[in-house]
Protein backbone atom coordinates (compact mmCIF):
# COMPACT_ATOMS: atom_id res chain seq x y z
CA UNK A 1 0.00 0.00 0.00
CA UNK A 2 1.17 3.52 -0.74
CA UNK A 3 2.51 5.23 2.35
CA UNK A 4 1.93 8.84 1.25
CA UNK A 5 -1.44 10.39 2.04
CA UNK A 6 -3.05 13.62 0.84
CA UNK A 7 -5.63 14.85 3.31
CA UNK A 8 -6.15 11.25 4.43
CA UNK A 9 -6.36 9.78 0.90
CA UNK A 10 -3.92 7.32 -0.69
CA UNK A 11 -2.00 8.67 -3.68
CA UNK A 12 -1.72 7.49 -7.28
CA UNK A 13 1.28 5.60 -8.67
CA UNK A 14 3.21 5.22 -11.90
CA UNK A 15 6.22 3.12 -12.90
CA UNK A 16 9.65 4.17 -11.65
CA UNK A 17 11.17 3.61 -15.09
CA UNK A 18 10.27 2.31 -18.53
CA UNK A 19 10.07 -1.38 -19.42
CA UNK A 20 9.77 -2.92 -22.88
CA UNK A 21 8.36 -6.14 -24.35
CA UNK A 22 8.72 -7.66 -27.81
CA UNK A 23 6.70 -10.29 -29.60
CA UNK A 24 4.04 -10.87 -32.23
CA UNK A 25 0.35 -10.05 -32.29
CA UNK A 26 -1.93 -13.03 -31.72
CA UNK A 27 -4.31 -12.17 -34.56
CA UNK A 28 -2.14 -10.15 -36.95
CA UNK A 29 1.05 -12.17 -36.57
CA UNK A 30 2.94 -8.88 -36.90
CA UNK A 31 5.98 -8.17 -34.69
CA UNK A 32 5.61 -5.37 -32.15
CA UNK A 33 7.60 -3.66 -29.44
CA UNK A 34 5.62 -2.28 -26.51
CA UNK A 35 7.09 0.06 -23.89
CA UNK A 36 5.40 1.06 -20.64
CA UNK A 37 6.57 4.51 -19.59
CA UNK A 38 5.97 6.53 -16.43
CA UNK A 39 3.33 9.27 -16.72
CA UNK A 40 2.31 12.23 -14.60
CA UNK A 41 -0.42 12.25 -11.95
CA UNK A 42 -3.98 12.33 -13.36
CA UNK A 43 -2.66 11.16 -16.75
CA UNK A 44 -4.43 7.80 -16.69
CA UNK A 45 -3.50 5.08 -19.20
CA UNK A 46 -2.96 6.13 -22.82
CA UNK A 47 -1.62 4.24 -25.83
CA UNK A 48 0.65 5.85 -28.43
CA UNK A 49 1.41 4.42 -31.87
CA UNK A 50 5.09 5.21 -32.44
CA UNK A 51 5.07 3.78 -35.98
CA UNK A 52 2.74 6.55 -37.19
CA UNK A 53 4.39 9.94 -37.73
CA UNK A 54 1.47 12.14 -38.79
CA UNK A 55 -1.82 12.99 -37.14
CA UNK A 56 -3.24 11.95 -33.79
CA UNK A 57 -1.38 8.89 -32.54
CA UNK A 58 -2.70 8.88 -28.95
CA UNK A 59 -5.61 6.66 -27.85
CA UNK A 60 -7.12 6.74 -24.35
CA UNK A 61 -7.59 3.39 -22.63
CA UNK A 62 -11.29 4.07 -22.15
CA UNK A 63 -14.55 2.16 -22.55
CA UNK A 64 -16.12 4.65 -24.97
CA UNK A 65 -13.41 4.28 -27.63
CA UNK A 66 -13.67 0.48 -27.81
CA UNK A 67 -14.57 -1.04 -31.15
CA UNK A 68 -16.40 -4.15 -30.00
CA UNK A 69 -15.09 -7.54 -31.06
CA UNK A 70 -15.68 -11.02 -29.61
CA UNK A 71 -12.02 -11.99 -29.98
CA UNK A 72 -10.12 -9.13 -28.33
CA UNK A 73 -10.40 -5.56 -27.06
CA UNK A 74 -9.57 -2.89 -29.64
CA UNK A 75 -9.48 0.86 -29.01
CA UNK A 76 -9.70 3.47 -31.78
CA UNK A 77 -9.26 7.26 -31.65
CA UNK A 78 -11.10 9.85 -33.73
CA UNK A 79 -8.45 9.72 -36.44
CA UNK A 80 -8.99 5.99 -36.90
CA UNK A 81 -5.70 5.00 -35.21
CA UNK A 82 -6.12 1.78 -33.24
CA UNK A 83 -4.46 -0.73 -30.96
CA UNK A 84 -5.92 -4.19 -30.43
CA UNK A 85 -5.59 -7.03 -27.91
CA UNK A 86 -4.95 -4.61 -25.06
CA UNK A 87 -6.73 -6.65 -22.38
CA UNK A 88 -3.70 -8.47 -20.94
CA UNK A 89 -1.51 -5.40 -20.48
CA UNK A 90 -4.50 -3.49 -19.06
CA UNK A 91 -5.11 -6.30 -16.57
CA UNK A 92 -1.45 -6.22 -15.55
CA UNK A 93 -1.51 -2.46 -14.98
CA UNK A 94 -4.73 -2.68 -12.95
CA UNK A 95 -3.59 -5.76 -11.04
CA UNK A 96 -0.29 -4.09 -10.11
CA UNK A 97 -1.95 -0.85 -9.01
CA UNK A 98 -0.53 1.40 -11.77
CA UNK A 99 -2.80 4.42 -12.26
CA UNK A 100 -0.77 6.44 -14.79
CA UNK A 101 1.28 5.17 -17.73
CA UNK A 102 2.00 5.83 -21.40
CA UNK A 103 1.94 2.63 -23.46
CA UNK A 104 4.05 3.11 -26.59
CA UNK A 105 3.70 0.52 -29.33
CA UNK A 106 5.14 0.35 -32.85
CA UNK A 107 2.33 -1.65 -34.41
CA UNK A 108 -1.43 -2.21 -34.40
CA UNK A 109 -1.56 -5.10 -31.90
CA UNK A 110 -0.10 -5.72 -28.44
CA UNK A 111 2.34 -8.67 -28.49
CA UNK A 112 0.75 -11.82 -27.08
CA UNK A 113 3.98 -12.99 -25.36
CA UNK A 114 3.09 -16.25 -23.55
CA UNK A 115 -0.66 -15.67 -23.81
CA UNK A 116 -1.04 -14.47 -20.22
CA UNK A 117 -0.40 -11.24 -18.31
CA UNK A 118 2.52 -12.68 -16.34
CA UNK A 119 5.33 -11.19 -18.49
CA UNK A 120 3.77 -7.73 -18.14
CA UNK A 121 3.40 -8.20 -14.37
CA UNK A 122 7.04 -9.28 -14.05
CA UNK A 123 8.19 -6.26 -16.04
CA UNK A 124 6.08 -3.80 -14.05
CA UNK A 125 7.11 -5.16 -10.66
CA UNK A 126 10.78 -5.31 -11.71
CA UNK A 127 10.69 -1.52 -12.17
CA UNK A 128 8.67 -0.74 -9.05
CA UNK A 129 6.26 2.14 -8.54
CA UNK A 130 6.59 5.85 -7.81
CA UNK A 131 3.99 7.66 -5.73
CA UNK A 132 2.42 10.85 -7.07
CA UNK A 133 0.76 13.85 -5.50
CA UNK A 134 -2.87 13.11 -6.41
CA UNK A 135 -5.43 10.91 -4.66
CA UNK A 136 -6.46 7.50 -5.96
CA UNK A 137 -10.09 7.55 -7.08
CA UNK A 138 -12.37 4.56 -7.47
CA UNK A 139 -15.76 4.00 -9.09
CA UNK A 140 -18.30 2.88 -6.52
CA UNK A 141 -21.19 0.85 -7.97
CA UNK A 142 -24.49 2.10 -6.48
CA UNK A 143 -27.08 0.30 -8.63
CA UNK A 144 -27.10 -3.11 -10.27
CA UNK A 145 -26.70 -3.01 -14.06
CA UNK A 146 -26.88 -6.03 -16.35
CA UNK A 147 -26.60 -6.86 -20.04
CA UNK A 148 -27.71 -10.07 -21.73
CA UNK A 149 -27.32 -11.84 -25.05
CA UNK A 150 -28.71 -15.15 -26.28
CA UNK A 151 -25.59 -16.93 -25.04
CA UNK A 152 -24.75 -15.24 -21.73
CA UNK A 153 -24.92 -12.22 -19.45
CA UNK A 154 -22.79 -9.90 -17.34
CA UNK A 155 -23.67 -7.86 -14.26
CA UNK A 156 -22.19 -5.20 -11.99
CA UNK A 157 -23.71 -4.75 -8.54
CA UNK A 158 -22.82 -2.88 -5.34
CA UNK A 159 -20.01 -4.25 -3.15
CA UNK A 160 -17.31 -2.67 -0.99
CA UNK A 161 -14.49 -4.24 -3.08
CA UNK A 162 -13.96 -5.65 -6.56
CA UNK A 163 -15.09 -9.27 -6.68
CA UNK A 164 -15.06 -11.15 -9.98
CA UNK A 165 -17.34 -14.15 -10.35
CA UNK A 166 -17.13 -16.01 -13.66
CA UNK A 167 -18.83 -19.07 -15.13
CA UNK A 168 -17.92 -20.77 -18.42
CA UNK A 169 -19.35 -23.81 -20.17
CA UNK A 170 -17.64 -25.40 -23.19
CA UNK A 171 -18.50 -28.58 -25.05
CA UNK A 172 -14.85 -29.66 -25.11
CA UNK A 173 -14.23 -32.08 -22.25
CA UNK A 174 -10.80 -30.56 -21.61
CA UNK A 175 -12.55 -27.36 -20.45
CA UNK A 176 -16.17 -28.22 -19.70
CA UNK A 177 -17.98 -26.21 -17.04
CA UNK A 178 -15.87 -24.07 -14.69
CA UNK A 179 -16.68 -21.39 -12.13
CA UNK A 180 -14.50 -19.23 -9.89
CA UNK A 181 -15.05 -16.29 -7.54
CA UNK A 182 -12.18 -14.10 -6.39
CA UNK A 183 -11.78 -11.03 -4.19
CA UNK A 184 -9.32 -9.02 -6.26
CA UNK A 185 -7.64 -7.21 -3.32
CA UNK A 186 -4.38 -8.09 -1.56
CA UNK A 187 -2.43 -9.09 -4.65
CA UNK A 188 -4.95 -11.74 -5.73
CA UNK A 189 -4.51 -10.98 -9.43
CA UNK A 190 -0.75 -11.52 -9.27
CA UNK A 191 -1.02 -14.74 -7.26
CA UNK A 192 -4.09 -16.33 -8.79
CA UNK A 193 -4.76 -15.07 -12.31
CA UNK A 194 -1.83 -13.38 -14.05
CA UNK A 195 -0.22 -16.58 -15.40
CA UNK A 196 -3.42 -18.00 -16.96
CA UNK A 197 -3.22 -18.07 -20.76
CA UNK A 198 -5.68 -17.42 -23.53
CA UNK A 199 -7.28 -20.60 -24.77
CA UNK A 200 -9.22 -21.79 -27.80
CA UNK A 201 -10.72 -24.85 -29.42
CA UNK A 202 -8.84 -26.39 -32.35
CA UNK A 203 -11.98 -26.09 -34.48
CA UNK A 204 -12.06 -22.34 -33.75
CA UNK A 205 -8.35 -22.03 -34.60
CA UNK A 206 -8.93 -23.69 -37.96
CA UNK A 207 -11.85 -21.35 -38.65
CA UNK A 208 -9.86 -18.25 -37.61
CA UNK A 209 -6.91 -19.26 -39.80
CA UNK A 210 -9.28 -19.67 -42.72
CA UNK A 211 -10.49 -16.11 -42.12
CA UNK A 212 -7.00 -14.59 -41.75
CA UNK A 213 -7.08 -14.42 -37.94
CA UNK A 214 -4.91 -15.86 -35.16
CA UNK A 215 -1.94 -15.65 -37.52
CA UNK A 216 0.46 -15.23 -34.59
CA UNK A 217 -1.04 -18.00 -32.47
CA UNK A 218 1.07 -21.01 -31.53
CA UNK A 219 0.82 -23.86 -29.05
CA UNK A 220 3.28 -21.88 -26.88
CA UNK A 221 1.22 -18.67 -26.57
CA UNK A 222 -2.27 -20.17 -26.31
CA UNK A 223 -3.78 -23.29 -24.81
CA UNK A 224 -5.40 -25.22 -27.65
CA UNK A 225 -7.87 -28.00 -26.86
CA UNK A 226 -9.52 -30.60 -29.05
CA UNK A 227 -12.27 -32.47 -27.26
CA UNK A 228 -10.67 -34.07 -24.20
CA UNK A 229 -7.13 -33.39 -25.43
CA UNK A 230 -4.90 -30.43 -24.58
CA UNK A 231 -2.61 -29.94 -27.57
CA UNK A 232 -0.28 -27.35 -26.02
CA UNK A 233 2.92 -28.75 -24.47
CA UNK A 234 2.70 -29.17 -20.71
CA UNK A 235 -1.08 -28.90 -20.64
CA UNK A 236 -2.85 -26.44 -18.36
CA UNK A 237 -1.03 -24.42 -15.71
CA UNK A 238 -4.15 -24.73 -13.53
CA UNK A 239 -6.94 -27.27 -13.78
CA UNK A 240 -9.29 -24.29 -14.15
CA UNK A 241 -6.93 -22.12 -16.21
CA UNK A 242 -9.67 -21.36 -18.73
CA UNK A 243 -12.01 -19.62 -16.29
CA UNK A 244 -9.04 -17.89 -14.63
CA UNK A 245 -8.08 -16.41 -17.99
CA UNK A 246 -11.63 -15.21 -18.55
CA UNK A 247 -11.37 -13.41 -15.19
CA UNK A 248 -8.02 -11.92 -16.25
CA UNK A 249 -9.67 -10.61 -19.43
CA UNK A 250 -12.58 -9.21 -17.42
CA UNK A 251 -10.23 -7.24 -15.15
CA UNK A 252 -8.45 -5.79 -18.19
CA UNK A 253 -11.73 -4.83 -19.83
CA UNK A 254 -13.14 -3.35 -16.61
CA UNK A 255 -9.95 -1.25 -16.26
CA UNK A 256 -11.24 0.72 -19.27
CA UNK A 257 -13.77 2.30 -16.89
CA UNK A 258 -10.94 4.75 -16.16
CA UNK A 259 -10.58 3.98 -12.45
CA UNK A 260 -10.64 0.91 -10.19
CA UNK A 261 -14.12 -0.45 -9.53
CA UNK A 262 -15.69 -1.11 -6.13
CA UNK A 263 -18.39 -3.61 -7.01
CA UNK A 264 -19.12 -7.23 -7.89
CA UNK A 265 -18.75 -8.31 -11.52
CA UNK A 266 -20.47 -11.52 -12.56
CA UNK A 267 -19.96 -12.98 -15.99
CA UNK A 268 -21.87 -15.99 -17.31
CA UNK A 269 -20.39 -17.08 -20.65
CA UNK A 270 -19.39 -13.43 -21.09
CA UNK A 271 -16.65 -11.97 -23.26
CA UNK A 272 -14.96 -8.74 -24.29
CA UNK A 273 -17.91 -7.22 -26.14
CA UNK A 274 -20.34 -8.03 -23.34
CA UNK A 275 -18.13 -6.48 -20.66
CA UNK A 276 -17.80 -3.34 -22.76
CA UNK A 277 -21.58 -3.23 -23.22
CA UNK A 278 -21.88 -3.51 -19.44
CA UNK A 279 -19.69 -0.42 -18.99
CA UNK A 280 -21.85 1.45 -21.51
CA UNK A 281 -24.92 0.46 -19.49
CA UNK A 282 -23.24 1.49 -16.23
CA UNK A 283 -22.35 4.99 -17.38
CA UNK A 284 -25.70 5.55 -19.08
CA UNK A 285 -27.75 4.58 -16.01
CA UNK A 286 -28.42 7.63 -13.81
CA UNK A 287 -27.14 7.20 -10.27
CA UNK A 288 -25.52 3.81 -10.94
CA UNK A 289 -21.94 4.88 -10.16
CA UNK A 290 -20.02 7.61 -8.38
CA UNK A 291 -16.37 8.54 -8.09
CA UNK A 292 -14.83 8.39 -4.63
CA UNK A 293 -11.35 9.22 -3.31
CA UNK A 294 -9.71 6.31 -1.50
CA UNK A 295 -8.65 6.38 2.12
CA UNK A 296 -6.29 3.59 3.29
CA UNK A 297 -9.16 1.24 4.20
CA UNK A 298 -10.82 1.67 0.78
CA UNK A 299 -7.54 1.39 -1.10
CA UNK A 300 -6.76 -1.90 0.66
CA UNK A 301 -9.82 -3.40 -1.08
CA UNK A 302 -8.71 -2.44 -4.62
CA UNK A 303 -6.89 -4.59 -7.19
CA UNK A 304 -3.21 -3.74 -6.95
CA UNK A 305 -3.15 -3.38 -3.18
CA UNK A 306 -0.87 -5.76 -1.31
CA UNK A 307 1.08 -6.83 -4.41
CA UNK A 308 4.35 -8.65 -3.69
CA UNK A 309 6.81 -9.47 -6.46
CA UNK A 310 7.76 -12.83 -4.91
CA UNK A 311 4.14 -14.00 -5.28
CA UNK A 312 4.26 -14.08 -9.09
CA UNK A 313 3.61 -17.74 -10.01
CA UNK A 314 6.69 -19.58 -11.26
CA UNK A 315 6.26 -20.89 -14.80
CA UNK A 316 8.73 -23.21 -16.49
């Protein structure tokens, strides 16, 4: 927990120094270098396309600039400049308690790395955080909001901390039906979720390849299942890795609210587009949410509080 207080409120943080990552985009297959840089207080999280020299190259990490897609989270600015597959790095920033950062990237898609948020978490915690002279603010859910589709639903409801409750149900025996509930405070994201990788069914991979998608996907950066078989070497990192990854994605997508959330998120067969629709419903419902500055007791219930570097899961 931050030790500096402003009028009794805990202060915001940024990275102490920059950290870079290199890899390929999961869907585009294009190489990319991403650098997380420190940013000033009240800056928030912004992405910057360094490979574009003219026009507006900055994109806010915000729910209202998301171009909805079932496969990833893509943000687009008014000039049409975009960055896709941002959910893992957003989850890492939220889960490590980083409030302000500039995310520079030299391509249209965030590198997938190992398919989880763990490499981003390791990089962030290796640099450490710097406290800033502005109070941490959180979004307190006051009314229940819900969105539904034919296949699933997602809900936000009042709670004094962020709790994520997720349920998935897949025909493939290797995944099947899984459910998990997690209080996201006290470093829970780093310990329990950050190493869980994106997953897909072999039939879906074949279909995506046929449509020019998942061009950067391999058995090393995604868990691929075929019926009862896990095709990726080493199998799952957790027996319920699939639902854990869905929770990781949900945290990254909820981080686009612009501030940590104090509330309970429940997802039933939900995905990126549904979580974004839920944020649209939240901010369009009068009296459903309010901004509050965080005292030490409130801050202790946020994702990113209580994070310890030694608790990052070890992965071979």
